[in-house]
């Protein structure tokens, strides 16, 4: 127990030192860039080659301050995937920050449950559940942001079609979306316009948009624009029809959600009833319920019951989930 507490203290101290060093290096980089842009940078005898883009500065900062965590994430090929999920969630986090948050929650919950003598057998399970909490938070933020984007997307397509009929170019219409709409749609299209404005071909900028926003509607939009660019045609009319199709899909999705609501409620009730019975049994007859915590056979029975409950809920959710 003392070793676990010492380990937790050392970990917190390491994270605090890492945050201080990271903040100091970031401030130094920002000051150096500001001086170079303002023309007030001091010239020495030997001029060191500066990074060509802010992205290199960020990579250097990660390499200096958290190189071991970055290497570990890159070893298991999850660094780029975590960064993509964080970008889709709209959080300006590094993947290392998410990894540290998961590790801290795991250690905190494990030590807290281990300190309770009656529940040491489930300390590992509690730590795993708490360790997944930061990732679940990021995933829910991502889902909410993508849902809000999809709600705004049909109106933005109609806006682009109207602006093109008024005589504006397609790229200018993308830039106008930033001023007329709210986040997250305005931020994603602003990034697409800036990438194209800085020299990236329109096809590649739209492909990056489709990668950042993993939505079927966005893929339809990108495919329509790229196909019109190669074959020609009335892009404004195509976007109007695409917006109409997306709205009809939303209506159909709402109907399916209303029809499948009964099945979802049934699955939730069947999952919560055993949990409620277990809690009531623990308070009514604690000696009988402790069998699942102190006896080895009880551990297997409790694990099997939890596993079967999760499998049953997953099966019901799969049945009532209909993709449109």
Protein backbone atom coordinates (compact mmCIF):
# COMPACT_ATOMS: atom_id res chain seq x y z
CA UNK A 1 0.00 0.00 0.00
CA UNK A 2 2.81 2.41 0.90
CA UNK A 3 4.57 1.55 -2.36
CA UNK A 4 1.39 2.37 -4.32
CA UNK A 5 1.05 5.72 -2.54
CA UNK A 6 4.71 6.56 -3.23
CA UNK A 7 4.22 5.59 -6.87
CA UNK A 8 1.19 7.87 -7.15
CA UNK A 9 3.07 10.80 -5.54
CA UNK A 10 6.03 10.31 -7.87
CA UNK A 11 3.71 10.21 -10.87
CA UNK A 12 1.96 13.46 -9.84
CA UNK A 13 5.32 15.17 -9.32
CA UNK A 14 6.51 14.01 -12.74
CA UNK A 15 3.36 15.33 -14.43
CA UNK A 16 3.71 18.68 -12.60
CA UNK A 17 7.35 19.02 -13.68
CA UNK A 18 6.42 18.06 -17.25
CA UNK A 19 3.67 20.73 -17.34
CA UNK A 20 6.07 23.41 -16.02
CA UNK A 21 8.77 22.56 -18.55
CA UNK A 22 6.20 22.34 -21.36
CA UNK A 23 4.78 25.77 -20.48
CA UNK A 24 8.24 27.32 -20.30
CA UNK A 25 9.31 25.88 -23.67
CA UNK A 26 6.03 26.88 -25.31
CA UNK A 27 6.37 30.45 -24.02
CA UNK A 28 9.95 30.61 -25.29
CA UNK A 29 8.91 29.37 -28.73
CA UNK A 30 6.06 31.90 -28.94
CA UNK A 31 8.38 34.75 -27.94
CA UNK A 32 10.97 33.68 -30.51
CA UNK A 33 8.36 33.54 -33.28
CA UNK A 34 6.93 36.93 -32.27
CA UNK A 35 10.41 38.50 -32.35
CA UNK A 36 11.18 36.99 -35.75
CA UNK A 37 7.91 38.27 -37.25
CA UNK A 38 8.39 41.71 -35.74
CA UNK A 39 11.99 41.90 -36.98
CA UNK A 40 13.42 42.41 -33.49
CA UNK A 41 15.25 39.10 -33.16
CA UNK A 42 18.86 39.43 -32.08
CA UNK A 43 21.35 38.12 -34.60
CA UNK A 44 24.33 36.19 -33.28
CA UNK A 45 27.53 35.06 -34.84
CA UNK A 46 26.08 31.69 -35.78
CA UNK A 47 22.53 31.63 -36.94
CA UNK A 48 20.71 28.47 -36.07
CA UNK A 49 18.23 27.11 -38.50
CA UNK A 50 14.70 27.73 -37.24
CA UNK A 51 11.86 25.29 -37.85
CA UNK A 52 9.94 26.12 -41.00
CA UNK A 53 6.43 25.72 -39.52
CA UNK A 54 4.68 25.76 -36.14
CA UNK A 55 4.06 22.04 -36.55
CA UNK A 56 7.80 21.38 -36.19
CA UNK A 57 7.85 23.42 -33.01
CA UNK A 58 5.06 21.32 -31.57
CA UNK A 59 6.83 18.11 -32.49
CA UNK A 60 10.05 19.36 -30.90
CA UNK A 61 8.17 20.26 -27.73
CA UNK A 62 6.63 16.79 -27.50
CA UNK A 63 10.01 15.19 -28.13
CA UNK A 64 11.66 17.19 -25.35
CA UNK A 65 8.99 17.11 -22.65
CA UNK A 66 7.23 13.76 -23.06
CA UNK A 67 9.35 11.71 -25.41
CA UNK A 68 8.88 8.47 -23.48
CA UNK A 69 5.10 8.67 -23.58
CA UNK A 70 5.16 9.62 -27.27
CA UNK A 71 7.45 6.69 -28.07
CA UNK A 72 5.17 4.32 -26.17
CA UNK A 73 2.08 5.55 -28.02
CA UNK A 74 3.87 5.40 -31.37
CA UNK A 75 5.14 1.92 -30.63
CA UNK A 76 1.58 0.61 -30.35
CA UNK A 77 0.43 2.84 -33.25
CA UNK A 78 -2.20 4.76 -31.29
CA UNK A 79 -0.63 8.25 -31.26
CA UNK A 80 -2.09 9.40 -34.59
CA UNK A 81 -5.46 7.77 -33.85
CA UNK A 82 -5.75 9.51 -30.48
CA UNK A 83 -4.78 12.84 -32.06
CA UNK A 84 -7.46 12.35 -34.71
CA UNK A 85 -10.12 11.61 -32.07
CA UNK A 86 -9.08 14.68 -30.04
CA UNK A 87 -9.30 16.87 -33.14
CA UNK A 88 -12.75 15.52 -33.92
CA UNK A 89 -13.82 16.23 -30.33
CA UNK A 90 -12.61 19.83 -30.63
CA UNK A 91 -10.18 19.48 -27.69
CA UNK A 92 -6.73 21.04 -27.92
CA UNK A 93 -5.06 18.19 -26.08
CA UNK A 94 -1.98 16.19 -26.88
CA UNK A 95 -2.38 12.41 -26.91
CA UNK A 96 0.10 12.30 -24.01
CA UNK A 97 -2.27 14.38 -21.89
CA UNK A 98 -5.08 11.90 -22.48
CA UNK A 99 -2.75 9.00 -21.64
CA UNK A 100 -1.66 10.70 -18.39
CA UNK A 101 -5.28 11.39 -17.44
CA UNK A 102 -6.23 7.74 -17.95
CA UNK A 103 -3.21 6.57 -15.95
CA UNK A 104 -3.94 9.02 -13.12
CA UNK A 105 -7.59 7.96 -12.87
CA UNK A 106 -6.57 4.31 -12.88
CA UNK A 107 -4.02 4.73 -10.07
CA UNK A 108 -6.32 6.97 -8.00
CA UNK A 109 -9.28 4.58 -8.17
CA UNK A 110 -7.10 1.53 -7.59
CA UNK A 111 -5.49 2.97 -4.45
CA UNK A 112 -8.83 4.29 -3.14
CA UNK A 113 -10.59 0.95 -3.51
CA UNK A 114 -7.53 -0.99 -2.26
CA UNK A 115 -7.51 1.09 0.93
CA UNK A 116 -10.98 -0.30 1.74
CA UNK A 117 -10.30 -3.69 3.24
CA UNK A 118 -13.63 -5.22 2.20
CA UNK A 119 -13.28 -4.40 -1.48
CA UNK A 120 -9.67 -5.20 -2.34
CA UNK A 121 -10.72 -7.92 -4.75
CA UNK A 122 -12.38 -5.44 -7.13
CA UNK A 123 -9.65 -2.77 -6.96
CA UNK A 124 -8.35 -3.70 -10.41
CA UNK A 125 -11.84 -3.57 -11.94
CA UNK A 126 -12.51 -0.17 -10.36
CA UNK A 127 -9.17 1.10 -11.64
CA UNK A 128 -9.92 -0.06 -15.18
CA UNK A 129 -13.34 1.59 -15.14
CA UNK A 130 -11.93 4.87 -13.79
CA UNK A 131 -9.04 4.72 -16.27
CA UNK A 132 -11.50 4.60 -19.17
CA UNK A 133 -13.40 7.67 -17.87
CA UNK A 134 -11.22 10.32 -19.65
CA UNK A 135 -11.45 8.45 -22.95
CA UNK A 136 -15.24 8.10 -22.55
CA UNK A 137 -15.44 11.86 -21.93
CA UNK A 138 -13.47 12.58 -25.10
CA UNK A 139 -15.58 10.12 -27.09
CA UNK A 140 -18.85 11.71 -25.90
CA UNK A 141 -17.51 15.18 -26.78
CA UNK A 142 -16.61 13.86 -30.22
CA UNK A 143 -20.08 12.35 -30.73
CA UNK A 144 -21.81 15.57 -29.62
CA UNK A 145 -19.62 17.69 -31.91
CA UNK A 146 -20.20 15.42 -34.91
CA UNK A 147 -23.96 15.45 -34.26
CA UNK A 148 -24.01 19.24 -34.16
CA UNK A 149 -21.98 19.38 -37.37
CA UNK A 150 -24.45 17.09 -39.17
CA UNK A 151 -27.39 19.23 -38.04
CA UNK A 152 -25.80 22.36 -39.54
CA UNK A 153 -24.47 20.69 -42.69
CA UNK A 154 -27.61 20.72 -44.95
CA UNK A 155 -28.14 24.44 -44.33
CA UNK A 156 -24.50 25.13 -45.17
CA UNK A 157 -24.87 23.29 -48.50
CA UNK A 158 -27.86 25.42 -49.40
CA UNK A 159 -25.88 28.51 -48.41
CA UNK A 160 -23.02 27.52 -50.72
CA UNK A 161 -25.49 26.90 -53.56
CA UNK A 162 -27.10 30.32 -53.09
CA UNK A 163 -23.75 32.11 -52.94
CA UNK A 164 -22.59 30.37 -56.12
CA UNK A 165 -25.78 31.43 -57.90
CA UNK A 166 -25.02 34.99 -56.75
CA UNK A 167 -21.69 34.82 -58.61
CA UNK A 168 -19.20 33.83 -55.91
CA UNK A 169 -16.57 31.17 -56.48
CA UNK A 170 -16.77 27.86 -54.63
CA UNK A 171 -13.68 28.60 -52.51
CA UNK A 172 -15.07 32.03 -51.56
CA UNK A 173 -18.33 30.36 -50.52
CA UNK A 174 -16.39 28.09 -48.17
CA UNK A 175 -14.77 31.14 -46.59
CA UNK A 176 -18.17 32.84 -46.17
CA UNK A 177 -19.45 29.84 -44.17
CA UNK A 178 -17.03 30.80 -41.41
CA UNK A 179 -18.73 34.18 -40.97
CA UNK A 180 -22.32 32.95 -41.26
CA UNK A 181 -22.33 29.74 -39.21
CA UNK A 182 -21.28 28.65 -35.74
CA UNK A 183 -18.88 26.01 -34.48
CA UNK A 184 -18.06 23.26 -35.25
CA UNK A 185 -19.06 23.73 -38.89
CA UNK A 186 -17.48 27.18 -39.29
CA UNK A 187 -14.15 26.01 -37.85
CA UNK A 188 -13.89 22.98 -40.12
CA UNK A 189 -14.70 24.91 -43.29
CA UNK A 190 -12.41 27.76 -42.27
CA UNK A 191 -9.59 25.27 -41.92
CA UNK A 192 -10.40 23.83 -45.35
CA UNK A 193 -10.43 27.29 -46.94
CA UNK A 194 -7.14 28.29 -45.29
CA UNK A 195 -5.45 25.09 -46.45
CA UNK A 196 -6.63 25.72 -50.01
CA UNK A 197 -5.74 29.42 -49.80
CA UNK A 198 -2.18 28.58 -48.71
CA UNK A 199 -1.56 26.44 -51.77
CA UNK A 200 -3.08 23.02 -51.06
CA UNK A 201 -5.13 21.70 -54.00
CA UNK A 202 -8.88 21.81 -53.46
CA UNK A 203 -9.20 18.03 -53.84
CA UNK A 204 -6.70 17.37 -51.07
CA UNK A 205 -8.25 20.03 -48.80
CA UNK A 206 -11.69 18.44 -49.19
CA UNK A 207 -10.26 14.95 -48.62
CA UNK A 208 -8.72 16.17 -45.36
CA UNK A 209 -12.12 17.61 -44.39
CA UNK A 210 -13.73 14.21 -45.00
CA UNK A 211 -11.03 12.59 -42.87
CA UNK A 212 -11.52 15.03 -39.99
CA UNK A 213 -15.31 14.66 -40.11
CA UNK A 214 -16.12 10.94 -40.52
CA UNK A 215 -19.67 11.48 -41.76
CA UNK A 216 -21.36 9.87 -44.74
CA UNK A 217 -22.92 13.21 -45.70
CA UNK A 218 -19.51 14.88 -45.85
CA UNK A 219 -18.19 12.07 -48.05
CA UNK A 220 -21.15 12.59 -50.40
CA UNK A 221 -20.35 16.31 -50.52
CA UNK A 222 -16.67 15.78 -51.25
CA UNK A 223 -17.40 13.17 -53.92
CA UNK A 224 -19.96 15.46 -55.60
CA UNK A 225 -17.56 18.41 -55.71
CA UNK A 226 -14.66 16.33 -57.03
CA UNK A 227 -16.85 14.66 -59.64
CA UNK A 228 -18.26 18.01 -60.81
CA UNK A 229 -14.74 19.39 -61.08
CA UNK A 230 -13.74 16.56 -63.43
CA UNK A 231 -16.91 16.23 -65.52
CA UNK A 232 -18.58 19.64 -65.21
CA UNK A 233 -22.19 20.45 -64.43
CA UNK A 234 -24.28 22.71 -62.24
CA UNK A 235 -22.70 22.40 -58.79
CA UNK A 236 -25.32 24.62 -57.12
CA UNK A 237 -28.12 22.31 -58.26
CA UNK A 238 -26.16 19.26 -57.09
CA UNK A 239 -25.67 20.77 -53.63
CA UNK A 240 -29.38 21.63 -53.36
CA UNK A 241 -30.34 18.04 -54.16
CA UNK A 242 -27.73 16.71 -51.74
CA UNK A 243 -29.12 18.94 -48.97
CA UNK A 244 -32.62 17.61 -49.71
CA UNK A 245 -31.40 14.00 -49.49
CA UNK A 246 -29.65 14.67 -46.18
CA UNK A 247 -32.80 16.24 -44.70
CA UNK A 248 -34.86 13.24 -45.78
CA UNK A 249 -32.32 10.94 -44.13
CA UNK A 250 -32.72 12.93 -40.91
CA UNK A 251 -36.51 12.47 -41.07
CA UNK A 252 -36.18 8.73 -41.67
CA UNK A 253 -33.65 8.46 -38.84
CA UNK A 254 -36.08 10.19 -36.48
CA UNK A 255 -38.86 7.77 -37.39
CA UNK A 256 -36.61 4.77 -36.83
CA UNK A 257 -35.50 6.23 -33.49
CA UNK A 258 -39.13 6.55 -32.40
CA UNK A 259 -39.96 2.97 -33.46
CA UNK A 260 -36.87 1.48 -31.75
CA UNK A 261 -37.31 3.46 -28.49
CA UNK A 262 -39.29 0.61 -26.90
CA UNK A 263 -36.50 -1.88 -27.57
CA UNK A 264 -33.89 0.47 -26.12
CA UNK A 265 -35.93 0.99 -22.95
CA UNK A 266 -36.40 -2.76 -22.63
CA UNK A 267 -32.67 -3.40 -22.90
CA UNK A 268 -31.91 -0.67 -20.34
CA UNK A 269 -34.49 -2.06 -17.90
CA UNK A 270 -33.24 -5.64 -18.25
CA UNK A 271 -29.71 -4.40 -17.58
CA UNK A 272 -30.57 -2.26 -14.55
CA UNK A 273 -32.84 -4.78 -12.78
CA UNK A 274 -30.00 -7.21 -11.76
CA UNK A 275 -27.88 -4.27 -10.57
CA UNK A 276 -30.74 -2.95 -8.43
CA UNK A 277 -31.40 -6.44 -7.02
CA UNK A 278 -27.71 -6.82 -6.14
CA UNK A 279 -27.64 -3.46 -4.32
CA UNK A 280 -30.82 -4.26 -2.37
CA UNK A 281 -29.48 -7.70 -1.47
CA UNK A 282 -26.24 -6.17 -0.22
CA UNK A 283 -28.12 -3.94 2.23
CA UNK A 284 -30.75 -6.53 3.25
CA UNK A 285 -28.44 -9.50 3.78
CA UNK A 286 -24.77 -8.38 3.73
CA UNK A 287 -23.44 -11.75 4.87
CA UNK A 288 -25.03 -13.50 1.92
CA UNK A 289 -23.82 -10.85 -0.56
CA UNK A 290 -20.22 -10.92 0.72
CA UNK A 291 -19.92 -14.38 -0.79
CA UNK A 292 -19.35 -12.74 -4.17
CA UNK A 293 -16.46 -10.63 -2.78
CA UNK A 294 -14.60 -12.91 -0.36
CA UNK A 295 -14.96 -16.33 -1.94
CA UNK A 296 -13.05 -17.39 -5.05
CA UNK A 297 -16.07 -19.14 -6.54
CA UNK A 298 -18.10 -15.98 -5.88
CA UNK A 299 -15.55 -14.01 -7.90
CA UNK A 300 -16.05 -16.25 -10.90
CA UNK A 301 -19.84 -16.13 -10.54
CA UNK A 302 -19.88 -12.33 -10.27
CA UNK A 303 -17.55 -11.97 -13.24
CA UNK A 304 -19.66 -14.35 -15.33
CA UNK A 305 -22.86 -12.50 -14.38
CA UNK A 306 -21.38 -9.10 -15.30
CA UNK A 307 -20.04 -10.48 -18.57
CA UNK A 308 -23.36 -12.02 -19.55
CA UNK A 309 -25.19 -8.79 -18.68
CA UNK A 310 -22.85 -6.79 -20.91
CA UNK A 311 -23.22 -9.29 -23.76
CA UNK A 312 -27.02 -9.21 -23.45
CA UNK A 313 -27.10 -5.40 -23.49
CA UNK A 314 -24.75 -5.31 -26.50
CA UNK A 315 -26.96 -7.78 -28.40
CA UNK A 316 -30.14 -5.80 -27.70
CA UNK A 317 -28.43 -2.53 -28.65
CA UNK A 318 -27.19 -4.10 -31.89
CA UNK A 319 -30.72 -5.27 -32.75
CA UNK A 320 -32.40 -1.90 -32.18
CA UNK A 321 -29.62 0.14 -33.86
CA UNK A 322 -30.46 0.70 -37.52
CA UNK A 323 -28.07 2.69 -39.69
CA UNK A 324 -29.63 5.01 -42.28
